[in-house]
């Protein structure tokens, strides 16, 4: 999930995403639900949980 627009959801090749934007850093990570195209695992944005952890996996987060 790209964090540059709140409603931008989907998948893309990392190199294409970098070329289409002015990213200074990019992380290729995670797997996606093929039905709703949201990332699998813990995802919290603006204090709201969008998805929960799966398979007892850890998560990392930051707030800028």
PDB file of N, CA and C in Angstrom:
ATOM      1  N   UNK A   1       0.849  -1.161   0.000  1.00  0.00           N
ATOM      2  CA  UNK A   1       0.000   0.000   0.000  1.00  0.00           C
ATOM      3  C   UNK A   1       0.891   1.218   0.000  1.00  0.00           C
ATOM      4  N   UNK A   2       0.662   2.062  -0.921  1.00  0.00           N
ATOM      5  CA  UNK A   2       1.438   3.289  -0.990  1.00  0.00           C
ATOM      6  C   UNK A   2       0.849   4.298  -0.024  1.00  0.00           C
ATOM      7  N   UNK A   3       1.686   4.966   0.696  1.00  0.00           N
ATOM      8  CA  UNK A   3       1.219   5.893   1.721  1.00  0.00           C
ATOM      9  C   UNK A   3       1.207   7.335   1.238  1.00  0.00           C
ATOM     10  N   UNK A   4       1.191   7.555  -0.072  1.00  0.00           N
ATOM     11  CA  UNK A   4       1.227   8.929  -0.561  1.00  0.00           C
ATOM     12  C   UNK A   4      -0.161   9.529  -0.743  1.00  0.00           C
ATOM     13  N   UNK A   5      -1.187   8.700  -0.857  1.00  0.00           N
ATOM     14  CA  UNK A   5      -2.558   9.183  -0.959  1.00  0.00           C
ATOM     15  C   UNK A   5      -3.432   8.300  -0.087  1.00  0.00           C
ATOM     16  N   UNK A   6      -4.362   8.871   0.671  1.00  0.00           N
ATOM     17  CA  UNK A   6      -5.164   8.061   1.590  1.00  0.00           C
ATOM     18  C   UNK A   6      -6.038   7.011   0.905  1.00  0.00           C
ATOM     19  N   UNK A   7      -6.454   7.229  -0.307  1.00  0.00           N
ATOM     20  CA  UNK A   7      -7.354   6.285  -0.968  1.00  0.00           C
ATOM     21  C   UNK A   7      -6.665   5.439  -2.022  1.00  0.00           C
ATOM     22  N   UNK A   8      -5.358   5.459  -2.067  1.00  0.00           N
ATOM     23  CA  UNK A   8      -4.624   4.700  -3.069  1.00  0.00           C
ATOM     24  C   UNK A   8      -4.390   3.287  -2.557  1.00  0.00           C
ATOM     25  N   UNK A   9      -5.033   2.324  -3.197  1.00  0.00           N
ATOM     26  CA  UNK A   9      -4.910   0.928  -2.814  1.00  0.00           C
ATOM     27  C   UNK A   9      -4.643   0.124  -4.065  1.00  0.00           C
ATOM     28  N   UNK A  10      -3.762  -0.818  -3.979  1.00  0.00           N
ATOM     29  CA  UNK A  10      -3.503  -1.678  -5.122  1.00  0.00           C
ATOM     30  C   UNK A  10      -2.089  -2.200  -5.097  1.00  0.00           C
ATOM     31  N   UNK A  11      -1.715  -2.823  -6.179  1.00  0.00           N
ATOM     32  CA  UNK A  11      -0.380  -3.386  -6.280  1.00  0.00           C
ATOM     33  C   UNK A  11       0.319  -2.826  -7.505  1.00  0.00           C
ATOM     34  N   UNK A  12       1.624  -2.832  -7.449  1.00  0.00           N
ATOM     35  CA  UNK A  12       2.438  -2.368  -8.561  1.00  0.00           C
ATOM     36  C   UNK A  12       3.853  -2.889  -8.333  1.00  0.00           C
ATOM     37  N   UNK A  13       4.629  -2.981  -9.371  1.00  0.00           N
ATOM     38  CA  UNK A  13       6.031  -3.333  -9.210  1.00  0.00           C
ATOM     39  C   UNK A  13       6.746  -2.158  -8.543  1.00  0.00           C
ATOM     40  N   UNK A  14       7.639  -2.459  -7.621  1.00  0.00           N
ATOM     41  CA  UNK A  14       8.329  -1.416  -6.864  1.00  0.00           C
ATOM     42  C   UNK A  14       9.038  -0.431  -7.783  1.00  0.00           C
ATOM     43  N   UNK A  15       9.741  -0.919  -8.777  1.00  0.00           N
ATOM     44  CA  UNK A  15      10.495  -0.034  -9.673  1.00  0.00           C
ATOM     45  C   UNK A  15       9.560   0.909 -10.432  1.00  0.00           C
ATOM     46  N   UNK A  16       8.354   0.451 -10.773  1.00  0.00           N
ATOM     47  CA  UNK A  16       7.390   1.315 -11.462  1.00  0.00           C
ATOM     48  C   UNK A  16       6.857   2.392 -10.521  1.00  0.00           C
ATOM     49  N   UNK A  17       6.593   2.019  -9.268  1.00  0.00           N
ATOM     50  CA  UNK A  17       6.112   2.996  -8.290  1.00  0.00           C
ATOM     51  C   UNK A  17       7.143   4.088  -8.057  1.00  0.00           C
ATOM     52  N   UNK A  18       8.399   3.701  -7.942  1.00  0.00           N
ATOM     53  CA  UNK A  18       9.471   4.674  -7.725  1.00  0.00           C
ATOM     54  C   UNK A  18       9.599   5.597  -8.932  1.00  0.00           C
ATOM     55  N   UNK A  19       9.507   5.040 -10.132  1.00  0.00           N
ATOM     56  CA  UNK A  19       9.645   5.844 -11.351  1.00  0.00           C
ATOM     57  C   UNK A  19       8.486   6.823 -11.529  1.00  0.00           C
ATOM     58  N   UNK A  20       7.300   6.482 -11.029  1.00  0.00           N
ATOM     59  CA  UNK A  20       6.115   7.322 -11.214  1.00  0.00           C
ATOM     60  C   UNK A  20       5.981   8.402 -10.145  1.00  0.00           C
ATOM     61  N   UNK A  21       6.799   8.365  -9.130  1.00  0.00           N
ATOM     62  CA  UNK A  21       6.693   9.312  -8.016  1.00  0.00           C
ATOM     63  C   UNK A  21       8.064   9.909  -7.726  1.00  0.00           C
ATOM     64  N   UNK A  22       8.122  10.694  -6.675  1.00  0.00           N
ATOM     65  CA  UNK A  22       9.398  11.264  -6.244  1.00  0.00           C
ATOM     66  C   UNK A  22       9.817  10.648  -4.912  1.00  0.00           C
ATOM     67  N   UNK A  23       9.629   9.340  -4.778  1.00  0.00           N
ATOM     68  CA  UNK A  23      10.027   8.649  -3.559  1.00  0.00           C
ATOM     69  C   UNK A  23      11.522   8.818  -3.327  1.00  0.00           C
ATOM     70  N   UNK A  24      11.904   8.976  -2.084  1.00  0.00           N
ATOM     71  CA  UNK A  24      13.317   8.967  -1.729  1.00  0.00           C
ATOM     72  C   UNK A  24      13.698   7.623  -1.121  1.00  0.00           C
ATOM     73  N   UNK A  25      12.690   6.822  -0.781  1.00  0.00           N
ATOM     74  CA  UNK A  25      12.920   5.474  -0.257  1.00  0.00           C
ATOM     75  C   UNK A  25      11.712   4.621  -0.602  1.00  0.00           C
ATOM     76  N   UNK A  26      11.945   3.333  -0.745  1.00  0.00           N
ATOM     77  CA  UNK A  26      10.855   2.407  -1.050  1.00  0.00           C
ATOM     78  C   UNK A  26      11.147   1.066  -0.404  1.00  0.00           C
ATOM     79  N   UNK A  27      10.107   0.415   0.091  1.00  0.00           N
ATOM     80  CA  UNK A  27      10.235  -0.899   0.714  1.00  0.00           C
ATOM     81  C   UNK A  27       9.307  -1.857  -0.015  1.00  0.00           C
ATOM     82  N   UNK A  28       9.858  -2.945  -0.485  1.00  0.00           N
ATOM     83  CA  UNK A  28       9.062  -3.982  -1.124  1.00  0.00           C
ATOM     84  C   UNK A  28       8.736  -5.008  -0.051  1.00  0.00           C
ATOM     85  N   UNK A  29       7.498  -5.047   0.382  1.00  0.00           N
ATOM     86  CA  UNK A  29       7.177  -5.968   1.458  1.00  0.00           C
ATOM     87  C   UNK A  29       5.742  -6.434   1.445  1.00  0.00           C
ATOM     88  N   UNK A  30       5.554  -7.586   1.998  1.00  0.00           N
ATOM     89  CA  UNK A  30       4.225  -8.082   2.247  1.00  0.00           C
ATOM     90  C   UNK A  30       3.560  -8.818   1.107  1.00  0.00           C
ATOM     91  N   UNK A  31       2.482  -9.435   1.486  1.00  0.00           N
ATOM     92  CA  UNK A  31       1.611 -10.119   0.542  1.00  0.00           C
ATOM     93  C   UNK A  31       0.273  -9.416   0.546  1.00  0.00           C
ATOM     94  N   UNK A  32      -0.507  -9.610  -0.498  1.00  0.00           N
ATOM     95  CA  UNK A  32      -1.767  -8.902  -0.639  1.00  0.00           C
ATOM     96  C   UNK A  32      -2.928  -9.869  -0.781  1.00  0.00           C
ATOM     97  N   UNK A  33      -4.077  -9.461  -0.250  1.00  0.00           N
ATOM     98  CA  UNK A  33      -5.315 -10.200  -0.443  1.00  0.00           C
ATOM     99  C   UNK A  33      -5.729 -10.040  -1.895  1.00  0.00           C
ATOM    100  N   UNK A  34      -5.897 -11.129  -2.598  1.00  0.00           N
ATOM    101  CA  UNK A  34      -6.206 -11.025  -4.029  1.00  0.00           C
ATOM    102  C   UNK A  34      -7.613 -10.495  -4.299  1.00  0.00           C
ATOM    103  N   UNK A  35      -8.493 -10.516  -3.299  1.00  0.00           N
ATOM    104  CA  UNK A  35      -9.859 -10.023  -3.502  1.00  0.00           C
ATOM    105  C   UNK A  35      -9.979  -8.514  -3.331  1.00  0.00           C
ATOM    106  N   UNK A  36      -9.469  -7.983  -2.204  1.00  0.00           N
ATOM    107  CA  UNK A  36      -9.618  -6.543  -1.964  1.00  0.00           C
ATOM    108  C   UNK A  36      -8.321  -5.771  -2.187  1.00  0.00           C
ATOM    109  N   UNK A  37      -7.232  -6.465  -2.513  1.00  0.00           N
ATOM    110  CA  UNK A  37      -5.924  -5.893  -2.834  1.00  0.00           C
ATOM    111  C   UNK A  37      -5.287  -5.116  -1.680  1.00  0.00           C
ATOM    112  N   UNK A  38      -5.754  -5.351  -0.466  1.00  0.00           N
ATOM    113  CA  UNK A  38      -5.135  -4.754   0.714  1.00  0.00           C
ATOM    114  C   UNK A  38      -4.017  -5.666   1.203  1.00  0.00           C
ATOM    115  N   UNK A  39      -3.004  -5.090   1.862  1.00  0.00           N
ATOM    116  CA  UNK A  39      -1.924  -5.922   2.383  1.00  0.00           C
ATOM    117  C   UNK A  39      -2.434  -6.869   3.465  1.00  0.00           C
ATOM    118  N   UNK A  40      -1.828  -8.038   3.562  1.00  0.00           N
ATOM    119  CA  UNK A  40      -2.147  -8.977   4.631  1.00  0.00           C
ATOM    120  C   UNK A  40      -1.333  -8.610   5.860  1.00  0.00           C
ATOM    121  N   UNK A  41      -1.931  -8.749   7.018  1.00  0.00           N
ATOM    122  CA  UNK A  41      -1.237  -8.465   8.262  1.00  0.00           C
ATOM    123  C   UNK A  41      -1.711  -7.159   8.877  1.00  0.00           C
ATOM    124  N   UNK A  42      -1.061  -6.792   9.972  1.00  0.00           N
ATOM    125  CA  UNK A  42      -1.465  -5.624  10.748  1.00  0.00           C
ATOM    126  C   UNK A  42      -1.275  -4.340   9.950  1.00  0.00           C
ATOM    127  N   UNK A  43      -2.346  -3.564   9.880  1.00  0.00           N
ATOM    128  CA  UNK A  43      -2.286  -2.282   9.183  1.00  0.00           C
ATOM    129  C   UNK A  43      -3.185  -1.295   9.919  1.00  0.00           C
ATOM    130  N   UNK A  44      -2.580  -0.232  10.430  1.00  0.00           N
ATOM    131  CA  UNK A  44      -3.314   0.789  11.173  1.00  0.00           C
ATOM    132  C   UNK A  44      -2.990   2.137  10.570  1.00  0.00           C
ATOM    133  N   UNK A  45      -4.016   2.909  10.247  1.00  0.00           N
ATOM    134  CA  UNK A  45      -3.815   4.232   9.663  1.00  0.00           C
ATOM    135  C   UNK A  45      -4.749   5.219  10.353  1.00  0.00           C
ATOM    136  N   UNK A  46      -4.188   6.354  10.764  1.00  0.00           N
ATOM    137  CA  UNK A  46      -4.956   7.408  11.432  1.00  0.00           C
ATOM    138  C   UNK A  46      -5.752   6.871  12.622  1.00  0.00           C
ATOM    139  N   UNK A  47      -5.129   5.967  13.385  1.00  0.00           N
ATOM    140  CA  UNK A  47      -5.759   5.426  14.581  1.00  0.00           C
ATOM    141  C   UNK A  47      -6.818   4.375  14.329  1.00  0.00           C
ATOM    142  N   UNK A  48      -7.032   3.979  13.089  1.00  0.00           N
ATOM    143  CA  UNK A  48      -8.060   2.994  12.751  1.00  0.00           C
ATOM    144  C   UNK A  48      -7.393   1.735  12.195  1.00  0.00           C
ATOM    145  N   UNK A  49      -7.761   0.577  12.755  1.00  0.00           N
ATOM    146  CA  UNK A  49      -7.224  -0.688  12.264  1.00  0.00           C
ATOM    147  C   UNK A  49      -7.909  -1.050  10.956  1.00  0.00           C
ATOM    148  N   UNK A  50      -7.120  -1.194   9.896  1.00  0.00           N
ATOM    149  CA  UNK A  50      -7.649  -1.592   8.595  1.00  0.00           C
ATOM    150  C   UNK A  50      -7.585  -3.101   8.415  1.00  0.00           C
ATOM    151  N   UNK A  51      -6.625  -3.753   9.055  1.00  0.00           N
ATOM    152  CA  UNK A  51      -6.538  -5.210   9.052  1.00  0.00           C
ATOM    153  C   UNK A  51      -5.753  -5.652  10.278  1.00  0.00           C
ATOM    154  N   UNK A  52      -5.952  -6.896  10.675  1.00  0.00           N
ATOM    155  CA  UNK A  52      -5.316  -7.397  11.891  1.00  0.00           C
ATOM    156  C   UNK A  52      -4.147  -8.320  11.554  1.00  0.00           C
ATOM    157  N   UNK A  53      -3.283  -8.591  12.558  1.00  0.00           N
ATOM    158  CA  UNK A  53      -2.151  -9.483  12.323  1.00  0.00           C
ATOM    159  C   UNK A  53      -2.623 -10.882  11.924  1.00  0.00           C
ATOM    160  N   UNK A  54      -1.787 -11.587  11.170  1.00  0.00           N
ATOM    161  CA  UNK A  54      -2.098 -12.960  10.792  1.00  0.00           C
ATOM    162  C   UNK A  54      -0.967 -13.880  11.219  1.00  0.00           C
ATOM    163  N   UNK A  55      -1.299 -15.104  11.536  1.00  0.00           N
ATOM    164  CA  UNK A  55      -0.323 -16.149  11.850  1.00  0.00           C
ATOM    165  C   UNK A  55       0.652 -15.751  12.956  1.00  0.00           C
ATOM    166  N   UNK A  56       0.197 -14.961  13.925  1.00  0.00           N
ATOM    167  CA  UNK A  56       1.032 -14.529  15.057  1.00  0.00           C
ATOM    168  C   UNK A  56       2.322 -13.850  14.623  1.00  0.00           C
ATOM    169  N   UNK A  57       2.285 -13.165  13.514  1.00  0.00           N
ATOM    170  CA  UNK A  57       3.470 -12.467  13.010  1.00  0.00           C
ATOM    171  C   UNK A  57       3.612 -11.107  13.677  1.00  0.00           C
ATOM    172  N   UNK A  58       4.837 -10.671  13.817  1.00  0.00           N
ATOM    173  CA  UNK A  58       5.116  -9.364  14.380  1.00  0.00           C
ATOM    174  C   UNK A  58       4.847  -8.258  13.374  1.00  0.00           C
ATOM    175  N   UNK A  59       4.901  -7.043  13.845  1.00  0.00           N
ATOM    176  CA  UNK A  59       4.682  -5.886  12.979  1.00  0.00           C
ATOM    177  C   UNK A  59       5.585  -4.755  13.438  1.00  0.00           C
ATOM    178  N   UNK A  60       5.860  -3.840  12.545  1.00  0.00           N
ATOM    179  CA  UNK A  60       6.645  -2.651  12.867  1.00  0.00           C
ATOM    180  C   UNK A  60       5.842  -1.434  12.429  1.00  0.00           C
ATOM    181  N   UNK A  61       5.993  -0.355  13.136  1.00  0.00           N
ATOM    182  CA  UNK A  61       5.253   0.843  12.758  1.00  0.00           C
ATOM    183  C   UNK A  61       6.000   2.094  13.158  1.00  0.00           C
ATOM    184  N   UNK A  62       5.604   3.195  12.587  1.00  0.00           N
ATOM    185  CA  UNK A  62       6.190   4.482  12.924  1.00  0.00           C
ATOM    186  C   UNK A  62       5.169   5.570  12.671  1.00  0.00           C
ATOM    187  N   UNK A  63       5.432   6.697  13.251  1.00  0.00           N
ATOM    188  CA  UNK A  63       4.546   7.842  13.138  1.00  0.00           C
ATOM    189  C   UNK A  63       5.413   9.057  12.869  1.00  0.00           C
ATOM    190  N   UNK A  64       5.236   9.651  11.695  1.00  0.00           N
ATOM    191  CA  UNK A  64       6.053  10.818  11.394  1.00  0.00           C
ATOM    192  C   UNK A  64       5.220  12.025  11.553  1.00  0.00           C
TER     193      UNK A  64
END
